[in-house]
Amino acid sequence: MKHEDLKSRTKRYALGIIHFVESLPPGQTCQVLGRQLLRAGTSVGANYRAACRARSKADFVSKMGVVEEEADECGYWLELLVDDAKAPAIRAAPLLREAGELTAIAVASIKTARDNR
């Protein structure tokens, strides 16, 4: 996957997360978990862009590690919202799947960068 394609994909993911969070029902749980999800979901793309501007392979690996963590964290917040019946599983499923795929892409990118040192 090319850098521009992944930049676009992570931006679409952030927009999906924004729309998902905005659709959550009112209440303290949704407010707190939604804020966490919003921060992590929008951070994936921002940190990927930072990784694209890395100054070294070590810097790239470090920044992609953050992408991995944030994408994985999104999955956690989405699971909590679904498991607590705050959001419908069918609505969260595409975002959960994408969180898993973005996590896997980050892991593979880190592995490739480390192997190419």
N, C-alpha and C. Protein backbone atom coordinates (compact mmCIF):
# COMPACT_ATOMS: atom_id res chain seq x y z
N MET A 1 0.84 -1.17 0.00
CA MET A 1 0.00 0.00 0.00
C MET A 1 0.89 1.24 0.00
N LYS A 2 0.55 2.21 -0.83
CA LYS A 2 1.32 3.44 -0.94
C LYS A 2 1.00 4.38 0.23
N HIS A 3 1.96 5.26 0.53
CA HIS A 3 1.78 6.20 1.63
C HIS A 3 0.52 7.04 1.47
N GLU A 4 0.28 7.53 0.27
CA GLU A 4 -0.90 8.39 0.05
C GLU A 4 -2.20 7.61 0.26
N ASP A 5 -2.21 6.34 -0.15
CA ASP A 5 -3.40 5.51 0.05
C ASP A 5 -3.68 5.32 1.54
N LEU A 6 -2.63 5.07 2.31
CA LEU A 6 -2.83 4.87 3.74
C LEU A 6 -3.16 6.18 4.45
N LYS A 7 -2.62 7.27 3.98
CA LYS A 7 -3.01 8.58 4.53
C LYS A 7 -4.50 8.81 4.34
N SER A 8 -4.97 8.52 3.15
CA SER A 8 -6.39 8.68 2.84
C SER A 8 -7.25 7.72 3.67
N ARG A 9 -6.79 6.51 3.79
CA ARG A 9 -7.53 5.49 4.55
C ARG A 9 -7.63 5.87 6.02
N THR A 10 -6.55 6.35 6.61
CA THR A 10 -6.59 6.72 8.02
C THR A 10 -7.45 7.96 8.24
N LYS A 11 -7.50 8.84 7.25
CA LYS A 11 -8.37 10.01 7.36
C LYS A 11 -9.83 9.59 7.29
N ARG A 12 -10.16 8.67 6.38
CA ARG A 12 -11.54 8.16 6.30
C ARG A 12 -11.93 7.47 7.61
N TYR A 13 -10.96 6.75 8.20
CA TYR A 13 -11.22 6.09 9.48
C TYR A 13 -11.53 7.13 10.55
N ALA A 14 -10.75 8.19 10.60
CA ALA A 14 -10.99 9.25 11.59
C ALA A 14 -12.39 9.85 11.41
N LEU A 15 -12.77 10.09 10.17
CA LEU A 15 -14.10 10.64 9.92
C LEU A 15 -15.20 9.66 10.34
N GLY A 16 -14.98 8.37 10.11
CA GLY A 16 -15.93 7.36 10.56
C GLY A 16 -16.06 7.34 12.07
N ILE A 17 -14.94 7.47 12.75
CA ILE A 17 -14.94 7.52 14.22
C ILE A 17 -15.68 8.76 14.69
N ILE A 18 -15.44 9.90 14.07
CA ILE A 18 -16.13 11.13 14.44
C ILE A 18 -17.63 10.95 14.34
N HIS A 19 -18.09 10.42 13.23
CA HIS A 19 -19.54 10.23 13.03
C HIS A 19 -20.10 9.22 14.02
N PHE A 20 -19.34 8.17 14.30
CA PHE A 20 -19.78 7.16 15.27
C PHE A 20 -19.94 7.79 16.65
N VAL A 21 -18.94 8.53 17.09
CA VAL A 21 -18.98 9.15 18.42
C VAL A 21 -20.13 10.15 18.51
N GLU A 22 -20.36 10.91 17.45
CA GLU A 22 -21.45 11.88 17.46
C GLU A 22 -22.82 11.21 17.53
N SER A 23 -22.90 9.94 17.15
CA SER A 23 -24.18 9.23 17.17
C SER A 23 -24.45 8.50 18.49
N LEU A 24 -23.49 8.53 19.41
CA LEU A 24 -23.67 7.84 20.68
C LEU A 24 -24.76 8.52 21.51
N PRO A 25 -25.48 7.73 22.30
CA PRO A 25 -26.51 8.32 23.14
C PRO A 25 -25.90 9.18 24.24
N PRO A 26 -26.67 10.11 24.77
CA PRO A 26 -26.15 10.95 25.85
C PRO A 26 -25.92 10.12 27.11
N GLY A 27 -25.04 10.60 27.94
CA GLY A 27 -24.74 9.93 29.20
C GLY A 27 -23.26 9.97 29.49
N GLN A 28 -22.93 9.81 30.75
CA GLN A 28 -21.54 9.93 31.17
C GLN A 28 -20.65 8.86 30.55
N THR A 29 -21.12 7.62 30.50
CA THR A 29 -20.30 6.54 29.94
C THR A 29 -19.96 6.82 28.48
N CYS A 30 -20.96 7.17 27.70
CA CYS A 30 -20.71 7.46 26.28
C CYS A 30 -19.85 8.69 26.11
N GLN A 31 -20.01 9.65 26.99
CA GLN A 31 -19.19 10.86 26.90
C GLN A 31 -17.72 10.54 27.14
N VAL A 32 -17.44 9.76 28.18
CA VAL A 32 -16.06 9.43 28.53
C VAL A 32 -15.45 8.48 27.51
N LEU A 33 -16.13 7.38 27.21
CA LEU A 33 -15.59 6.42 26.25
C LEU A 33 -15.54 7.01 24.85
N GLY A 34 -16.53 7.81 24.51
CA GLY A 34 -16.55 8.46 23.20
C GLY A 34 -15.37 9.40 23.03
N ARG A 35 -15.04 10.13 24.10
CA ARG A 35 -13.90 11.05 24.03
C ARG A 35 -12.60 10.27 23.84
N GLN A 36 -12.47 9.16 24.55
CA GLN A 36 -11.27 8.32 24.41
C GLN A 36 -11.17 7.77 22.99
N LEU A 37 -12.29 7.28 22.48
CA LEU A 37 -12.34 6.74 21.12
C LEU A 37 -12.03 7.83 20.09
N LEU A 38 -12.58 9.00 20.30
CA LEU A 38 -12.35 10.11 19.39
C LEU A 38 -10.86 10.49 19.35
N ARG A 39 -10.24 10.55 20.49
CA ARG A 39 -8.81 10.89 20.55
C ARG A 39 -7.96 9.83 19.85
N ALA A 40 -8.24 8.56 20.17
CA ALA A 40 -7.45 7.48 19.57
C ALA A 40 -7.70 7.38 18.06
N GLY A 41 -8.96 7.47 17.66
CA GLY A 41 -9.32 7.30 16.26
C GLY A 41 -8.78 8.39 15.35
N THR A 42 -8.74 9.60 15.85
CA THR A 42 -8.18 10.69 15.04
C THR A 42 -6.66 10.72 15.12
N SER A 43 -6.12 10.12 16.16
CA SER A 43 -4.67 10.07 16.34
C SER A 43 -4.00 9.10 15.36
N VAL A 44 -4.71 8.08 14.93
CA VAL A 44 -4.13 7.10 14.01
C VAL A 44 -3.58 7.80 12.77
N GLY A 45 -4.40 8.58 12.12
CA GLY A 45 -3.99 9.26 10.89
C GLY A 45 -2.94 10.33 11.14
N ALA A 46 -3.10 11.06 12.22
CA ALA A 46 -2.13 12.12 12.53
C ALA A 46 -0.74 11.52 12.78
N ASN A 47 -0.70 10.42 13.50
CA ASN A 47 0.58 9.79 13.78
C ASN A 47 1.15 9.08 12.55
N TYR A 48 0.28 8.57 11.69
CA TYR A 48 0.79 7.98 10.45
C TYR A 48 1.43 9.07 9.59
N ARG A 49 0.80 10.23 9.52
CA ARG A 49 1.40 11.33 8.76
C ARG A 49 2.76 11.72 9.34
N ALA A 50 2.84 11.72 10.66
CA ALA A 50 4.12 12.02 11.31
C ALA A 50 5.16 10.95 10.96
N ALA A 51 4.74 9.70 10.90
CA ALA A 51 5.66 8.61 10.54
C ALA A 51 6.18 8.79 9.11
N CYS A 52 5.34 9.30 8.23
CA CYS A 52 5.76 9.53 6.85
C CYS A 52 6.85 10.60 6.76
N ARG A 53 6.95 11.43 7.78
CA ARG A 53 7.96 12.49 7.81
C ARG A 53 9.11 12.14 8.77
N ALA A 54 9.20 10.88 9.12
CA ALA A 54 10.24 10.45 10.07
C ALA A 54 11.62 10.79 9.55
N ARG A 55 12.53 11.10 10.47
CA ARG A 55 13.89 11.50 10.11
C ARG A 55 14.84 10.32 9.99
N SER A 56 14.40 9.18 10.51
CA SER A 56 15.24 7.98 10.45
C SER A 56 14.33 6.76 10.54
N LYS A 57 14.92 5.59 10.30
CA LYS A 57 14.14 4.35 10.44
C LYS A 57 13.68 4.16 11.88
N ALA A 58 14.56 4.51 12.83
CA ALA A 58 14.19 4.38 14.24
C ALA A 58 13.02 5.30 14.58
N ASP A 59 13.04 6.49 14.03
CA ASP A 59 11.94 7.44 14.24
C ASP A 59 10.66 6.91 13.61
N PHE A 60 10.78 6.35 12.42
CA PHE A 60 9.62 5.75 11.74
C PHE A 60 9.03 4.61 12.58
N VAL A 61 9.89 3.73 13.06
CA VAL A 61 9.43 2.60 13.87
C VAL A 61 8.73 3.11 15.13
N SER A 62 9.28 4.12 15.75
CA SER A 62 8.68 4.69 16.96
C SER A 62 7.30 5.27 16.67
N LYS A 63 7.20 6.05 15.61
CA LYS A 63 5.92 6.69 15.28
C LYS A 63 4.89 5.66 14.82
N MET A 64 5.33 4.63 14.10
CA MET A 64 4.40 3.57 13.70
C MET A 64 3.95 2.76 14.91
N GLY A 65 4.79 2.69 15.93
CA GLY A 65 4.38 2.05 17.17
C GLY A 65 3.21 2.77 17.82
N VAL A 66 3.21 4.09 17.71
CA VAL A 66 2.09 4.88 18.23
C VAL A 66 0.84 4.61 17.39
N VAL A 67 1.00 4.53 16.07
CA VAL A 67 -0.14 4.21 15.19
C VAL A 67 -0.73 2.87 15.60
N GLU A 68 0.13 1.89 15.81
CA GLU A 68 -0.32 0.56 16.23
C GLU A 68 -1.11 0.64 17.54
N GLU A 69 -0.55 1.33 18.52
CA GLU A 69 -1.21 1.44 19.83
C GLU A 69 -2.56 2.13 19.73
N GLU A 70 -2.63 3.22 18.99
CA GLU A 70 -3.88 3.98 18.88
C GLU A 70 -4.95 3.19 18.13
N ALA A 71 -4.57 2.51 17.07
CA ALA A 71 -5.54 1.70 16.32
C ALA A 71 -6.07 0.56 17.19
N ASP A 72 -5.17 -0.08 17.93
CA ASP A 72 -5.59 -1.16 18.82
C ASP A 72 -6.49 -0.62 19.93
N GLU A 73 -6.16 0.55 20.44
CA GLU A 73 -6.97 1.17 21.49
C GLU A 73 -8.38 1.47 20.99
N CYS A 74 -8.51 1.87 19.73
CA CYS A 74 -9.83 2.10 19.16
C CYS A 74 -10.70 0.86 19.26
N GLY A 75 -10.08 -0.28 18.95
CA GLY A 75 -10.81 -1.54 19.06
C GLY A 75 -11.33 -1.77 20.47
N TYR A 76 -10.52 -1.46 21.44
CA TYR A 76 -10.91 -1.63 22.84
C TYR A 76 -12.13 -0.75 23.19
N TRP A 77 -12.06 0.54 22.85
CA TRP A 77 -13.17 1.44 23.19
C TRP A 77 -14.44 1.02 22.45
N LEU A 78 -14.31 0.63 21.20
CA LEU A 78 -15.48 0.17 20.44
C LEU A 78 -16.09 -1.07 21.08
N GLU A 79 -15.24 -2.02 21.47
CA GLU A 79 -15.73 -3.23 22.12
C GLU A 79 -16.48 -2.90 23.41
N LEU A 80 -15.94 -1.99 24.21
CA LEU A 80 -16.62 -1.61 25.45
C LEU A 80 -17.99 -1.00 25.17
N LEU A 81 -18.07 -0.13 24.19
CA LEU A 81 -19.35 0.50 23.86
C LEU A 81 -20.38 -0.52 23.37
N VAL A 82 -19.93 -1.47 22.59
CA VAL A 82 -20.84 -2.52 22.10
C VAL A 82 -21.22 -3.47 23.24
N ASP A 83 -20.23 -3.92 24.00
CA ASP A 83 -20.49 -4.88 25.08
C ASP A 83 -21.40 -4.30 26.16
N ASP A 84 -21.37 -2.98 26.34
CA ASP A 84 -22.24 -2.34 27.32
C ASP A 84 -23.55 -1.87 26.70
N ALA A 85 -23.79 -2.26 25.47
CA ALA A 85 -25.02 -1.93 24.74
C ALA A 85 -25.23 -0.43 24.57
N LYS A 86 -24.13 0.31 24.49
CA LYS A 86 -24.22 1.76 24.25
C LYS A 86 -24.23 2.05 22.75
N ALA A 87 -23.78 1.08 21.96
CA ALA A 87 -23.74 1.24 20.51
C ALA A 87 -24.07 -0.11 19.87
N PRO A 88 -24.80 -0.09 18.75
CA PRO A 88 -25.13 -1.35 18.08
C PRO A 88 -23.90 -2.00 17.44
N ALA A 89 -23.79 -3.29 17.61
CA ALA A 89 -22.64 -4.03 17.07
C ALA A 89 -22.53 -3.86 15.56
N ILE A 90 -23.65 -3.82 14.88
CA ILE A 90 -23.62 -3.70 13.42
C ILE A 90 -23.04 -2.36 12.98
N ARG A 91 -23.23 -1.34 13.78
CA ARG A 91 -22.68 0.00 13.46
C ARG A 91 -21.19 0.07 13.77
N ALA A 92 -20.78 -0.65 14.80
CA ALA A 92 -19.37 -0.63 15.21
C ALA A 92 -18.51 -1.60 14.40
N ALA A 93 -19.11 -2.62 13.82
CA ALA A 93 -18.36 -3.69 13.14
C ALA A 93 -17.38 -3.18 12.08
N PRO A 94 -17.79 -2.29 11.17
CA PRO A 94 -16.82 -1.83 10.17
C PRO A 94 -15.64 -1.08 10.79
N LEU A 95 -15.91 -0.32 11.84
CA LEU A 95 -14.82 0.41 12.51
C LEU A 95 -13.91 -0.54 13.27
N LEU A 96 -14.49 -1.57 13.87
CA LEU A 96 -13.68 -2.58 14.55
C LEU A 96 -12.79 -3.33 13.56
N ARG A 97 -13.36 -3.68 12.44
CA ARG A 97 -12.60 -4.39 11.40
C ARG A 97 -11.45 -3.51 10.90
N GLU A 98 -11.75 -2.24 10.65
CA GLU A 98 -10.72 -1.33 10.16
C GLU A 98 -9.66 -1.10 11.23
N ALA A 99 -10.04 -1.03 12.49
CA ALA A 99 -9.06 -0.89 13.57
C ALA A 99 -8.10 -2.07 13.55
N GLY A 100 -8.64 -3.27 13.36
CA GLY A 100 -7.80 -4.46 13.28
C GLY A 100 -6.88 -4.44 12.08
N GLU A 101 -7.39 -4.01 10.94
CA GLU A 101 -6.58 -3.96 9.73
C GLU A 101 -5.48 -2.89 9.85
N LEU A 102 -5.83 -1.74 10.40
CA LEU A 102 -4.82 -0.69 10.56
C LEU A 102 -3.75 -1.11 11.56
N THR A 103 -4.15 -1.82 12.60
CA THR A 103 -3.18 -2.35 13.56
C THR A 103 -2.24 -3.32 12.85
N ALA A 104 -2.80 -4.22 12.05
CA ALA A 104 -1.98 -5.20 11.33
C ALA A 104 -1.03 -4.52 10.34
N ILE A 105 -1.50 -3.49 9.67
CA ILE A 105 -0.64 -2.75 8.73
C ILE A 105 0.52 -2.10 9.48
N ALA A 106 0.21 -1.51 10.62
CA ALA A 106 1.27 -0.88 11.42
C ALA A 106 2.29 -1.91 11.88
N VAL A 107 1.83 -3.06 12.35
CA VAL A 107 2.73 -4.12 12.80
C VAL A 107 3.63 -4.57 11.65
N ALA A 108 3.03 -4.78 10.48
CA ALA A 108 3.80 -5.22 9.31
C ALA A 108 4.81 -4.16 8.89
N SER A 109 4.42 -2.91 8.94
CA SER A 109 5.33 -1.82 8.57
C SER A 109 6.51 -1.75 9.53
N ILE A 110 6.23 -1.92 10.80
CA ILE A 110 7.31 -1.91 11.81
C ILE A 110 8.26 -3.07 11.56
N LYS A 111 7.71 -4.24 11.31
CA LYS A 111 8.54 -5.41 11.07
C LYS A 111 9.42 -5.21 9.83
N THR A 112 8.83 -4.71 8.76
CA THR A 112 9.57 -4.47 7.52
C THR A 112 10.69 -3.45 7.75
N ALA A 113 10.38 -2.37 8.47
CA ALA A 113 11.40 -1.34 8.73
C ALA A 113 12.53 -1.91 9.57
N ARG A 114 12.21 -2.73 10.55
CA ARG A 114 13.25 -3.33 11.40
C ARG A 114 14.11 -4.31 10.60
N ASP A 115 13.45 -5.08 9.73
CA ASP A 115 14.18 -6.07 8.92
C ASP A 115 15.10 -5.41 7.90
N ASN A 116 14.77 -4.19 7.49
CA ASN A 116 15.55 -3.48 6.47
C ASN A 116 16.64 -2.60 7.07
N ARG A 117 16.91 -2.72 8.33
CA ARG A 117 17.94 -1.89 8.97
C ARG A 117 19.32 -2.25 8.53
